[in-house]
Amino acid sequence: MLVKEKYTNKTVGEFKTFDEDLFTSVACDDDEEEQDWVEPDTTAVIGHVDAKLKNWPVNVGWNIDLFDKQTIDLKFQAMVVVSQKHR
């Protein structure tokens, strides 16, 4: 999961107060654009620790540093993997 600024497509903010038994910091290697490079070991991008079945909804906290802009448009991105075995 990650949050991006809608028009620049840059990853912003960090996830806070999440269950560390379910989530951990993950690399976002598919983003080849250097302007959106995310510092390793931050919680700007988090993912599931393992493939065990999850219950939804899952609560996570998130915060962002103040921007120079008065308003900012954000988009939340996530990927859900569905196991064929459990359909």
PDB file of N, CA and C in Angstrom:
ATOM      1  N   MET A   1       0.852  -1.165   0.000  1.00  0.00           N
ATOM      2  CA  MET A   1       0.000   0.000   0.000  1.00  0.00           C
ATOM      3  C   MET A   1       0.897   1.226   0.000  1.00  0.00           C
ATOM      4  N   LEU A   2       0.464   2.230  -0.726  1.00  0.00           N
ATOM      5  CA  LEU A   2       1.182   3.485  -0.728  1.00  0.00           C
ATOM      6  C   LEU A   2       0.233   4.614  -1.097  1.00  0.00           C
ATOM      7  N   VAL A   3       0.644   5.828  -0.790  1.00  0.00           N
ATOM      8  CA  VAL A   3      -0.142   7.012  -1.124  1.00  0.00           C
ATOM      9  C   VAL A   3       0.732   7.893  -1.999  1.00  0.00           C
ATOM     10  N   LYS A   4       0.149   8.368  -3.114  1.00  0.00           N
ATOM     11  CA  LYS A   4       0.895   9.211  -4.048  1.00  0.00           C
ATOM     12  C   LYS A   4       0.184  10.534  -4.252  1.00  0.00           C
ATOM     13  N   GLU A   5       0.982  11.558  -4.569  1.00  0.00           N
ATOM     14  CA  GLU A   5       0.417  12.844  -4.958  1.00  0.00           C
ATOM     15  C   GLU A   5      -0.126  12.641  -6.362  1.00  0.00           C
ATOM     16  N   LYS A   6      -1.374  13.020  -6.583  1.00  0.00           N
ATOM     17  CA  LYS A   6      -2.102  12.667  -7.806  1.00  0.00           C
ATOM     18  C   LYS A   6      -1.423  13.138  -9.090  1.00  0.00           C
ATOM     19  N   TYR A   7      -0.892  14.343  -9.120  1.00  0.00           N
ATOM     20  CA  TYR A   7      -0.388  14.895 -10.379  1.00  0.00           C
ATOM     21  C   TYR A   7       1.098  14.641 -10.605  1.00  0.00           C
ATOM     22  N   THR A   8       1.898  14.584  -9.546  1.00  0.00           N
ATOM     23  CA  THR A   8       3.331  14.307  -9.713  1.00  0.00           C
ATOM     24  C   THR A   8       3.635  12.822  -9.636  1.00  0.00           C
ATOM     25  N   ASN A   9       2.702  12.040  -9.109  1.00  0.00           N
ATOM     26  CA  ASN A   9       2.846  10.595  -8.938  1.00  0.00           C
ATOM     27  C   ASN A   9       3.979  10.225  -7.976  1.00  0.00           C
ATOM     28  N   LYS A  10       4.348  11.152  -7.085  1.00  0.00           N
ATOM     29  CA  LYS A  10       5.393  10.886  -6.095  1.00  0.00           C
ATOM     30  C   LYS A  10       4.775  10.282  -4.840  1.00  0.00           C
ATOM     31  N   THR A  11       5.441   9.274  -4.290  1.00  0.00           N
ATOM     32  CA  THR A  11       4.999   8.668  -3.041  1.00  0.00           C
ATOM     33  C   THR A  11       5.194   9.672  -1.915  1.00  0.00           C
ATOM     34  N   VAL A  12       4.163   9.839  -1.085  1.00  0.00           N
ATOM     35  CA  VAL A  12       4.217  10.811   0.008  1.00  0.00           C
ATOM     36  C   VAL A  12       3.747  10.163   1.304  1.00  0.00           C
ATOM     37  N   GLY A  13       4.201  10.713   2.419  1.00  0.00           N
ATOM     38  CA  GLY A  13       3.740  10.277   3.730  1.00  0.00           C
ATOM     39  C   GLY A  13       4.318   8.941   4.153  1.00  0.00           C
ATOM     40  N   GLU A  14       3.898   8.524   5.341  1.00  0.00           N
ATOM     41  CA  GLU A  14       4.309   7.235   5.892  1.00  0.00           C
ATOM     42  C   GLU A  14       3.158   6.626   6.667  1.00  0.00           C
ATOM     43  N   PHE A  15       3.082   5.304   6.627  1.00  0.00           N
ATOM     44  CA  PHE A  15       2.081   4.595   7.414  1.00  0.00           C
ATOM     45  C   PHE A  15       2.563   4.503   8.855  1.00  0.00           C
ATOM     46  N   LYS A  16       1.641   4.682   9.783  1.00  0.00           N
ATOM     47  CA  LYS A  16       1.920   4.630  11.225  1.00  0.00           C
ATOM     48  C   LYS A  16       0.863   3.755  11.879  1.00  0.00           C
ATOM     49  N   THR A  17       1.117   3.332  13.065  1.00  0.00           N
ATOM     50  CA  THR A  17       0.163   2.570  13.882  1.00  0.00           C
ATOM     51  C   THR A  17      -0.542   1.453  13.110  1.00  0.00           C
ATOM     52  N   PHE A  18       0.256   0.546  12.565  1.00  0.00           N
ATOM     53  CA  PHE A  18      -0.308  -0.620  11.887  1.00  0.00           C
ATOM     54  C   PHE A  18       0.172  -1.875  12.604  1.00  0.00           C
ATOM     55  N   ASP A  19      -0.528  -2.960  12.405  1.00  0.00           N
ATOM     56  CA  ASP A  19      -0.190  -4.229  13.050  1.00  0.00           C
ATOM     57  C   ASP A  19       1.072  -4.803  12.403  1.00  0.00           C
ATOM     58  N   GLU A  20       2.178  -4.791  13.132  1.00  0.00           N
ATOM     59  CA  GLU A  20       3.449  -5.263  12.583  1.00  0.00           C
ATOM     60  C   GLU A  20       3.507  -6.781  12.436  1.00  0.00           C
ATOM     61  N   ASP A  21       2.501  -7.484  12.949  1.00  0.00           N
ATOM     62  CA  ASP A  21       2.396  -8.919  12.689  1.00  0.00           C
ATOM     63  C   ASP A  21       1.787  -9.179  11.312  1.00  0.00           C
ATOM     64  N   LEU A  22       1.121  -8.173  10.745  1.00  0.00           N
ATOM     65  CA  LEU A  22       0.497  -8.306   9.425  1.00  0.00           C
ATOM     66  C   LEU A  22       1.252  -7.567   8.326  1.00  0.00           C
ATOM     67  N   PHE A  23       1.843  -6.413   8.650  1.00  0.00           N
ATOM     68  CA  PHE A  23       2.467  -5.550   7.642  1.00  0.00           C
ATOM     69  C   PHE A  23       3.919  -5.249   7.973  1.00  0.00           C
ATOM     70  N   THR A  24       4.693  -4.964   6.923  1.00  0.00           N
ATOM     71  CA  THR A  24       6.077  -4.529   7.085  1.00  0.00           C
ATOM     72  C   THR A  24       6.427  -3.592   5.940  1.00  0.00           C
ATOM     73  N   SER A  25       7.523  -2.888   6.079  1.00  0.00           N
ATOM     74  CA  SER A  25       8.021  -2.025   5.016  1.00  0.00           C
ATOM     75  C   SER A  25       8.436  -2.899   3.835  1.00  0.00           C
ATOM     76  N   VAL A  26       8.081  -2.483   2.623  1.00  0.00           N
ATOM     77  CA  VAL A  26       8.450  -3.246   1.428  1.00  0.00           C
ATOM     78  C   VAL A  26       9.063  -2.323   0.392  1.00  0.00           C
ATOM     79  N   ALA A  27       9.881  -2.899  -0.486  1.00  0.00           N
ATOM     80  CA  ALA A  27      10.468  -2.147  -1.590  1.00  0.00           C
ATOM     81  C   ALA A  27       9.440  -2.025  -2.696  1.00  0.00           C
ATOM     82  N   CYS A  28       9.500  -0.945  -3.404  1.00  0.00           N
ATOM     83  CA  CYS A  28       8.593  -0.717  -4.533  1.00  0.00           C
ATOM     84  C   CYS A  28       9.439  -0.698  -5.798  1.00  0.00           C
ATOM     85  N   ASP A  29       9.986  -1.862  -6.162  1.00  0.00           N
ATOM     86  CA  ASP A  29      10.951  -1.964  -7.251  1.00  0.00           C
ATOM     87  C   ASP A  29      10.371  -1.729  -8.631  1.00  0.00           C
ATOM     88  N   ASP A  30       9.054  -1.806  -8.770  1.00  0.00           N
ATOM     89  CA  ASP A  30       8.473  -1.650 -10.100  1.00  0.00           C
ATOM     90  C   ASP A  30       8.447  -0.199 -10.547  1.00  0.00           C
ATOM     91  N   ASP A  31       8.731   0.744  -9.660  1.00  0.00           N
ATOM     92  CA  ASP A  31       8.732   2.161 -10.014  1.00  0.00           C
ATOM     93  C   ASP A  31      10.150   2.560 -10.396  1.00  0.00           C
ATOM     94  N   GLU A  32      10.408   2.641 -11.695  1.00  0.00           N
ATOM     95  CA  GLU A  32      11.758   2.905 -12.175  1.00  0.00           C
ATOM     96  C   GLU A  32      12.104   4.384 -12.212  1.00  0.00           C
ATOM     97  N   GLU A  33      11.153   5.246 -11.929  1.00  0.00           N
ATOM     98  CA  GLU A  33      11.407   6.678 -11.982  1.00  0.00           C
ATOM     99  C   GLU A  33      12.180   7.105 -10.740  1.00  0.00           C
ATOM    100  N   GLU A  34      13.359   7.695 -10.953  1.00  0.00           N
ATOM    101  CA  GLU A  34      14.193   8.083  -9.825  1.00  0.00           C
ATOM    102  C   GLU A  34      13.561   9.175  -8.978  1.00  0.00           C
ATOM    103  N   GLN A  35      12.700  10.010  -9.560  1.00  0.00           N
ATOM    104  CA  GLN A  35      12.107  11.088  -8.776  1.00  0.00           C
ATOM    105  C   GLN A  35      11.139  10.554  -7.728  1.00  0.00           C
ATOM    106  N   ASP A  36      10.754   9.297  -7.807  1.00  0.00           N
ATOM    107  CA  ASP A  36       9.862   8.721  -6.805  1.00  0.00           C
ATOM    108  C   ASP A  36      10.578   7.661  -5.973  1.00  0.00           C
ATOM    109  N   TRP A  37      11.887   7.762  -5.888  1.00  0.00           N
ATOM    110  CA  TRP A  37      12.655   6.814  -5.094  1.00  0.00           C
ATOM    111  C   TRP A  37      12.264   6.955  -3.635  1.00  0.00           C
ATOM    112  N   VAL A  38      12.005   5.839  -2.976  1.00  0.00           N
ATOM    113  CA  VAL A  38      11.589   5.828  -1.578  1.00  0.00           C
ATOM    114  C   VAL A  38      12.740   5.306  -0.733  1.00  0.00           C
ATOM    115  N   GLU A  39      13.043   6.008   0.344  1.00  0.00           N
ATOM    116  CA  GLU A  39      14.116   5.611   1.265  1.00  0.00           C
ATOM    117  C   GLU A  39      13.853   4.198   1.791  1.00  0.00           C
ATOM    118  N   PRO A  40      14.839   3.294   1.705  1.00  0.00           N
ATOM    119  CA  PRO A  40      14.651   1.936   2.241  1.00  0.00           C
ATOM    120  C   PRO A  40      14.368   1.968   3.742  1.00  0.00           C
ATOM    121  N   ASP A  41      13.647   0.988   4.208  1.00  0.00           N
ATOM    122  CA  ASP A  41      13.319   0.824   5.630  1.00  0.00           C
ATOM    123  C   ASP A  41      12.430   1.922   6.196  1.00  0.00           C
ATOM    124  N   THR A  42      11.764   2.683   5.335  1.00  0.00           N
ATOM    125  CA  THR A  42      10.738   3.597   5.821  1.00  0.00           C
ATOM    126  C   THR A  42       9.408   2.873   5.700  1.00  0.00           C
ATOM    127  N   THR A  43       8.371   3.465   6.218  1.00  0.00           N
ATOM    128  CA  THR A  43       7.044   2.866   6.086  1.00  0.00           C
ATOM    129  C   THR A  43       6.191   3.657   5.101  1.00  0.00           C
ATOM    130  N   ALA A  44       6.842   4.211   4.068  1.00  0.00           N
ATOM    131  CA  ALA A  44       6.101   4.899   3.013  1.00  0.00           C
ATOM    132  C   ALA A  44       5.328   3.894   2.166  1.00  0.00           C
ATOM    133  N   VAL A  45       5.871   2.681   2.043  1.00  0.00           N
ATOM    134  CA  VAL A  45       5.221   1.597   1.303  1.00  0.00           C
ATOM    135  C   VAL A  45       5.222   0.380   2.223  1.00  0.00           C
ATOM    136  N   ILE A  46       4.034  -0.162   2.492  1.00  0.00           N
ATOM    137  CA  ILE A  46       3.952  -1.350   3.342  1.00  0.00           C
ATOM    138  C   ILE A  46       3.208  -2.459   2.617  1.00  0.00           C
ATOM    139  N   GLY A  47       3.510  -3.683   3.011  1.00  0.00           N
ATOM    140  CA  GLY A  47       2.844  -4.840   2.436  1.00  0.00           C
ATOM    141  C   GLY A  47       2.686  -5.925   3.480  1.00  0.00           C
ATOM    142  N   HIS A  48       1.946  -6.957   3.130  1.00  0.00           N
ATOM    143  CA  HIS A  48       1.689  -8.058   4.055  1.00  0.00           C
ATOM    144  C   HIS A  48       2.963  -8.838   4.348  1.00  0.00           C
ATOM    145  N   VAL A  49       3.086  -9.291   5.575  1.00  0.00           N
ATOM    146  CA  VAL A  49       4.235 -10.069   6.016  1.00  0.00           C
ATOM    147  C   VAL A  49       4.238 -11.442   5.355  1.00  0.00           C
ATOM    148  N   ASP A  50       3.074 -12.068   5.234  1.00  0.00           N
ATOM    149  CA  ASP A  50       3.000 -13.394   4.624  1.00  0.00           C
ATOM    150  C   ASP A  50       1.672 -13.557   3.893  1.00  0.00           C
ATOM    151  N   ALA A  51       1.504 -14.718   3.316  1.00  0.00           N
ATOM    152  CA  ALA A  51       0.327 -14.946   2.469  1.00  0.00           C
ATOM    153  C   ALA A  51      -0.858 -15.534   3.217  1.00  0.00           C
ATOM    154  N   LYS A  52      -0.836 -15.486   4.539  1.00  0.00           N
ATOM    155  CA  LYS A  52      -1.972 -16.056   5.274  1.00  0.00           C
ATOM    156  C   LYS A  52      -3.239 -15.246   5.005  1.00  0.00           C
ATOM    157  N   LEU A  53      -4.372 -15.893   5.164  1.00  0.00           N
ATOM    158  CA  LEU A  53      -5.638 -15.211   4.929  1.00  0.00           C
ATOM    159  C   LEU A  53      -5.807 -14.060   5.909  1.00  0.00           C
ATOM    160  N   LYS A  54      -6.358 -12.952   5.435  1.00  0.00           N
ATOM    161  CA  LYS A  54      -6.539 -11.763   6.255  1.00  0.00           C
ATOM    162  C   LYS A  54      -8.023 -11.493   6.451  1.00  0.00           C
ATOM    163  N   ASN A  55      -8.326 -10.846   7.522  1.00  0.00           N
ATOM    164  CA  ASN A  55      -9.682 -10.358   7.755  1.00  0.00           C
ATOM    165  C   ASN A  55      -9.727  -8.884   7.391  1.00  0.00           C
ATOM    166  N   TRP A  56     -10.810  -8.441   6.802  1.00  0.00           N
ATOM    167  CA  TRP A  56     -10.961  -7.044   6.417  1.00  0.00           C
ATOM    168  C   TRP A  56     -12.126  -6.448   7.164  1.00  0.00           C
ATOM    169  N   PRO A  57     -12.164  -5.189   7.468  1.00  0.00           N
ATOM    170  CA  PRO A  57     -11.136  -4.202   7.102  1.00  0.00           C
ATOM    171  C   PRO A  57      -9.928  -4.278   8.021  1.00  0.00           C
ATOM    172  N   VAL A  58      -8.821  -3.750   7.536  1.00  0.00           N
ATOM    173  CA  VAL A  58      -7.590  -3.639   8.303  1.00  0.00           C
ATOM    174  C   VAL A  58      -7.358  -2.158   8.558  1.00  0.00           C
ATOM    175  N   ASN A  59      -7.085  -1.798   9.794  1.00  0.00           N
ATOM    176  CA  ASN A  59      -6.871  -0.391  10.133  1.00  0.00           C
ATOM    177  C   ASN A  59      -5.386  -0.063  10.164  1.00  0.00           C
ATOM    178  N   VAL A  60      -5.022   1.017   9.490  1.00  0.00           N
ATOM    179  CA  VAL A  60      -3.658   1.539   9.534  1.00  0.00           C
ATOM    180  C   VAL A  60      -3.742   3.049   9.700  1.00  0.00           C
ATOM    181  N   GLY A  61      -2.738   3.606  10.340  1.00  0.00           N
ATOM    182  CA  GLY A  61      -2.638   5.057  10.438  1.00  0.00           C
ATOM    183  C   GLY A  61      -1.669   5.552   9.377  1.00  0.00           C
ATOM    184  N   TRP A  62      -1.802   6.795   8.967  1.00  0.00           N
ATOM    185  CA  TRP A  62      -0.937   7.373   7.938  1.00  0.00           C
ATOM    186  C   TRP A  62      -0.799   8.852   8.220  1.00  0.00           C
ATOM    187  N   ASN A  63       0.382   9.420   7.962  1.00  0.00           N
ATOM    188  CA  ASN A  63       0.533  10.867   8.094  1.00  0.00           C
ATOM    189  C   ASN A  63       1.444  11.401   7.010  1.00  0.00           C
ATOM    190  N   ILE A  64       1.398  12.705   6.820  1.00  0.00           N
ATOM    191  CA  ILE A  64       2.173  13.365   5.780  1.00  0.00           C
ATOM    192  C   ILE A  64       2.752  14.645   6.354  1.00  0.00           C
ATOM    193  N   ASP A  65       3.968  14.966   5.943  1.00  0.00           N
ATOM    194  CA  ASP A  65       4.548  16.248   6.318  1.00  0.00           C
ATOM    195  C   ASP A  65       3.801  17.357   5.600  1.00  0.00           C
ATOM    196  N   LEU A  66       3.861  18.555   6.145  1.00  0.00           N
ATOM    197  CA  LEU A  66       3.173  19.686   5.520  1.00  0.00           C
ATOM    198  C   LEU A  66       3.817  20.018   4.183  1.00  0.00           C
ATOM    199  N   PHE A  67       2.973  20.386   3.221  1.00  0.00           N
ATOM    200  CA  PHE A  67       3.424  20.765   1.894  1.00  0.00           C
ATOM    201  C   PHE A  67       3.389  22.273   1.762  1.00  0.00           C
ATOM    202  N   ASP A  68       4.109  22.793   0.777  1.00  0.00           N
ATOM    203  CA  ASP A  68       4.061  24.224   0.493  1.00  0.00           C
ATOM    204  C   ASP A  68       2.726  24.619  -0.118  1.00  0.00           C
ATOM    205  N   LYS A  69       2.045  23.662  -0.729  1.00  0.00           N
ATOM    206  CA  LYS A  69       0.764  23.940  -1.375  1.00  0.00           C
ATOM    207  C   LYS A  69      -0.336  24.061  -0.331  1.00  0.00           C
ATOM    208  N   GLN A  70      -1.375  24.818  -0.671  1.00  0.00           N
ATOM    209  CA  GLN A  70      -2.518  24.921   0.234  1.00  0.00           C
ATOM    210  C   GLN A  70      -3.381  23.671   0.176  1.00  0.00           C
ATOM    211  N   THR A  71      -3.502  23.086  -1.003  1.00  0.00           N
ATOM    212  CA  THR A  71      -4.285  21.861  -1.155  1.00  0.00           C
ATOM    213  C   THR A  71      -3.445  20.836  -1.898  1.00  0.00           C
ATOM    214  N   ILE A  72      -3.760  19.586  -1.679  1.00  0.00           N
ATOM    215  CA  ILE A  72      -3.034  18.511  -2.351  1.00  0.00           C
ATOM    216  C   ILE A  72      -4.031  17.400  -2.669  1.00  0.00           C
ATOM    217  N   ASP A  73      -3.927  16.852  -3.862  1.00  0.00           N
ATOM    218  CA  ASP A  73      -4.771  15.731  -4.263  1.00  0.00           C
ATOM    219  C   ASP A  73      -3.950  14.457  -4.134  1.00  0.00           C
ATOM    220  N   LEU A  74      -4.474  13.513  -3.377  1.00  0.00           N
ATOM    221  CA  LEU A  74      -3.765  12.268  -3.127  1.00  0.00           C
ATOM    222  C   LEU A  74      -4.515  11.091  -3.722  1.00  0.00           C
ATOM    223  N   LYS A  75      -3.773  10.018  -4.003  1.00  0.00           N
ATOM    224  CA  LYS A  75      -4.404   8.770  -4.432  1.00  0.00           C
ATOM    225  C   LYS A  75      -3.763   7.624  -3.655  1.00  0.00           C
ATOM    226  N   PHE A  76      -4.603   6.692  -3.234  1.00  0.00           N
ATOM    227  CA  PHE A  76      -4.165   5.511  -2.498  1.00  0.00           C
ATOM    228  C   PHE A  76      -4.021   4.376  -3.495  1.00  0.00           C
ATOM    229  N   GLN A  77      -2.904   3.668  -3.451  1.00  0.00           N
ATOM    230  CA  GLN A  77      -2.702   2.542  -4.346  1.00  0.00           C
ATOM    231  C   GLN A  77      -2.415   1.291  -3.524  1.00  0.00           C
ATOM    232  N   ALA A  78      -2.981   0.199  -3.957  1.00  0.00           N
ATOM    233  CA  ALA A  78      -2.754  -1.079  -3.291  1.00  0.00           C
ATOM    234  C   ALA A  78      -2.955  -2.193  -4.302  1.00  0.00           C
ATOM    235  N   MET A  79      -2.415  -3.334  -4.001  1.00  0.00           N
ATOM    236  CA  MET A  79      -2.586  -4.497  -4.852  1.00  0.00           C
ATOM    237  C   MET A  79      -3.141  -5.616  -3.981  1.00  0.00           C
ATOM    238  N   VAL A  80      -4.135  -6.287  -4.473  1.00  0.00           N
ATOM    239  CA  VAL A  80      -4.721  -7.415  -3.759  1.00  0.00           C
ATOM    240  C   VAL A  80      -4.431  -8.673  -4.565  1.00  0.00           C
ATOM    241  N   VAL A  81      -3.874  -9.665  -3.910  1.00  0.00           N
ATOM    242  CA  VAL A  81      -3.587 -10.945  -4.553  1.00  0.00           C
ATOM    243  C   VAL A  81      -4.605 -11.951  -4.042  1.00  0.00           C
ATOM    244  N   VAL A  82      -5.317 -12.586  -4.969  1.00  0.00           N
ATOM    245  CA  VAL A  82      -6.343 -13.559  -4.608  1.00  0.00           C
ATOM    246  C   VAL A  82      -5.816 -14.953  -4.915  1.00  0.00           C
ATOM    247  N   SER A  83      -5.873 -15.819  -3.937  1.00  0.00           N
ATOM    248  CA  SER A  83      -5.419 -17.192  -4.118  1.00  0.00           C
ATOM    249  C   SER A  83      -6.497 -17.997  -4.828  1.00  0.00           C
ATOM    250  N   GLN A  84      -6.132 -18.689  -5.892  1.00  0.00           N
ATOM    251  CA  GLN A  84      -7.072 -19.546  -6.607  1.00  0.00           C
ATOM    252  C   GLN A  84      -7.509 -20.716  -5.728  1.00  0.00           C
ATOM    253  N   LYS A  85      -6.656 -21.122  -4.807  1.00  0.00           N
ATOM    254  CA  LYS A  85      -6.943 -22.257  -3.939  1.00  0.00           C
ATOM    255  C   LYS A  85      -8.107 -21.962  -2.992  1.00  0.00           C
ATOM    256  N   HIS A  86      -8.331 -20.707  -2.649  1.00  0.00           N
ATOM    257  CA  HIS A  86      -9.350 -20.346  -1.669  1.00  0.00           C
ATOM    258  C   HIS A  86     -10.590 -19.710  -2.299  1.00  0.00           C
ATOM    259  N   ARG A  87     -10.780 -19.863  -3.572  1.00  0.00           N
ATOM    260  CA  ARG A  87     -11.940 -19.256  -4.245  1.00  0.00           C
ATOM    261  C   ARG A  87     -13.183 -20.027  -3.999  1.00  0.00           C
TER     262      ARG A  87
END
